[in-house]
Amino acid sequence: MIRCHLSRIMGEHKMKISDVARQTGLNRSTITALYQENAARVEIEAIDKLCQLFNCKVGDLFEHVTPE
């Protein structure tokens, strides 16, 4: 299973979904799906823009977790 840490990262930067959408140009629905961890697929461009905004690596944003 892939976990997305966007909600935690946004909290650390005190940013709202609308802030991220405005600064990245990404659709709010894309950001919301990642924030709520229910995205089925993500465009590479979206990941790139989020990594640029938060100055992080892909591994900081996503994590592979083995189901128990």
C-alpha atoms as a PDB file:
ATOM      1  CA  MET A   1       0.000   0.000   0.000  1.00  0.00           C
ATOM      2  CA  ILE A   2       1.232   3.524  -0.754  1.00  0.00           C
ATOM      3  CA  ARG A   3       0.766   6.189   1.936  1.00  0.00           C
ATOM      4  CA  CYS A   4       0.716   9.861   1.020  1.00  0.00           C
ATOM      5  CA  HIS A   5       2.075  12.324   3.572  1.00  0.00           C
ATOM      6  CA  LEU A   6       0.693  15.459   1.898  1.00  0.00           C
ATOM      7  CA  SER A   7      -1.624  16.283   4.819  1.00  0.00           C
ATOM      8  CA  ARG A   8       1.284  16.157   7.286  1.00  0.00           C
ATOM      9  CA  ILE A   9       3.554  18.226   5.045  1.00  0.00           C
ATOM     10  CA  MET A  10       0.822  20.800   4.455  1.00  0.00           C
ATOM     11  CA  GLY A  11       0.255  21.002   8.212  1.00  0.00           C
ATOM     12  CA  GLU A  12       3.948  21.581   8.836  1.00  0.00           C
ATOM     13  CA  HIS A  13       3.852  24.463   6.318  1.00  0.00           C
ATOM     14  CA  LYS A  14       0.471  25.708   7.630  1.00  0.00           C
ATOM     15  CA  MET A  15      -1.021  25.530   4.144  1.00  0.00           C
ATOM     16  CA  LYS A  16      -4.575  24.854   3.002  1.00  0.00           C
ATOM     17  CA  ILE A  17      -5.638  22.970  -0.109  1.00  0.00           C
ATOM     18  CA  SER A  18      -6.477  26.289  -1.782  1.00  0.00           C
ATOM     19  CA  ASP A  19      -2.954  27.586  -1.030  1.00  0.00           C
ATOM     20  CA  VAL A  20      -1.364  24.534  -2.635  1.00  0.00           C
ATOM     21  CA  ALA A  21      -3.676  24.745  -5.651  1.00  0.00           C
ATOM     22  CA  ARG A  22      -2.873  28.414  -6.173  1.00  0.00           C
ATOM     23  CA  GLN A  23       0.887  27.980  -5.850  1.00  0.00           C
ATOM     24  CA  THR A  24       1.197  24.821  -7.972  1.00  0.00           C
ATOM     25  CA  GLY A  25      -1.564  25.305 -10.532  1.00  0.00           C
ATOM     26  CA  LEU A  26      -2.865  21.821  -9.708  1.00  0.00           C
ATOM     27  CA  ASN A  27      -6.577  21.085  -9.621  1.00  0.00           C
ATOM     28  CA  ARG A  28      -8.131  21.169  -6.140  1.00  0.00           C
ATOM     29  CA  SER A  29      -9.602  17.693  -6.684  1.00  0.00           C
ATOM     30  CA  THR A  30      -6.118  16.261  -7.278  1.00  0.00           C
ATOM     31  CA  ILE A  31      -4.778  17.833  -4.098  1.00  0.00           C
ATOM     32  CA  THR A  32      -7.849  16.785  -2.103  1.00  0.00           C
ATOM     33  CA  ALA A  33      -7.541  13.160  -3.257  1.00  0.00           C
ATOM     34  CA  LEU A  34      -3.880  13.074  -2.203  1.00  0.00           C
ATOM     35  CA  TYR A  35      -4.628  14.878   1.064  1.00  0.00           C
ATOM     36  CA  GLN A  36      -7.347  12.344   1.939  1.00  0.00           C
ATOM     37  CA  GLU A  37      -5.222   9.431   0.683  1.00  0.00           C
ATOM     38  CA  ASN A  38      -7.848   8.149  -1.743  1.00  0.00           C
ATOM     39  CA  ALA A  39      -6.179   8.979  -5.069  1.00  0.00           C
ATOM     40  CA  ALA A  40      -6.182   6.052  -7.499  1.00  0.00           C
ATOM     41  CA  ARG A  41      -3.432   7.518  -9.688  1.00  0.00           C
ATOM     42  CA  VAL A  42      -1.276  10.619  -9.742  1.00  0.00           C
ATOM     43  CA  GLU A  43       0.370  12.368 -12.666  1.00  0.00           C
ATOM     44  CA  ILE A  44       4.166  12.665 -12.503  1.00  0.00           C
ATOM     45  CA  GLU A  45       3.801  16.409 -13.156  1.00  0.00           C
ATOM     46  CA  ALA A  46       1.646  16.764 -10.018  1.00  0.00           C
ATOM     47  CA  ILE A  47       4.247  14.963  -7.905  1.00  0.00           C
ATOM     48  CA  ASP A  48       6.969  17.172  -9.377  1.00  0.00           C
ATOM     49  CA  LYS A  49       5.066  20.370  -8.580  1.00  0.00           C
ATOM     50  CA  LEU A  50       4.392  19.270  -5.008  1.00  0.00           C
ATOM     51  CA  CYS A  51       8.042  18.348  -4.476  1.00  0.00           C
ATOM     52  CA  GLN A  52       9.100  21.739  -5.832  1.00  0.00           C
ATOM     53  CA  LEU A  53       6.614  23.608  -3.626  1.00  0.00           C
ATOM     54  CA  PHE A  54       7.599  21.812  -0.426  1.00  0.00           C
ATOM     55  CA  ASN A  55      11.279  21.405  -1.365  1.00  0.00           C
ATOM     56  CA  CYS A  56      11.085  17.687  -0.681  1.00  0.00           C
ATOM     57  CA  LYS A  57      11.840  14.372  -2.345  1.00  0.00           C
ATOM     58  CA  VAL A  58       9.280  11.913  -3.687  1.00  0.00           C
ATOM     59  CA  GLY A  59      10.115   9.631  -0.749  1.00  0.00           C
ATOM     60  CA  ASP A  60       9.122  12.393   1.657  1.00  0.00           C
ATOM     61  CA  LEU A  61       5.717  12.639  -0.011  1.00  0.00           C
ATOM     62  CA  PHE A  62       4.986   8.920  -0.523  1.00  0.00           C
ATOM     63  CA  GLU A  63       5.835   5.793   1.431  1.00  0.00           C
ATOM     64  CA  HIS A  64       5.349   2.107   0.646  1.00  0.00           C
ATOM     65  CA  VAL A  65       3.796   0.339   3.637  1.00  0.00           C
ATOM     66  CA  THR A  66       3.408  -3.424   3.846  1.00  0.00           C
ATOM     67  CA  PRO A  67      -0.153  -4.360   4.899  1.00  0.00           C
ATOM     68  CA  GLU A  68      -0.328  -6.263   8.165  1.00  0.00           C
END
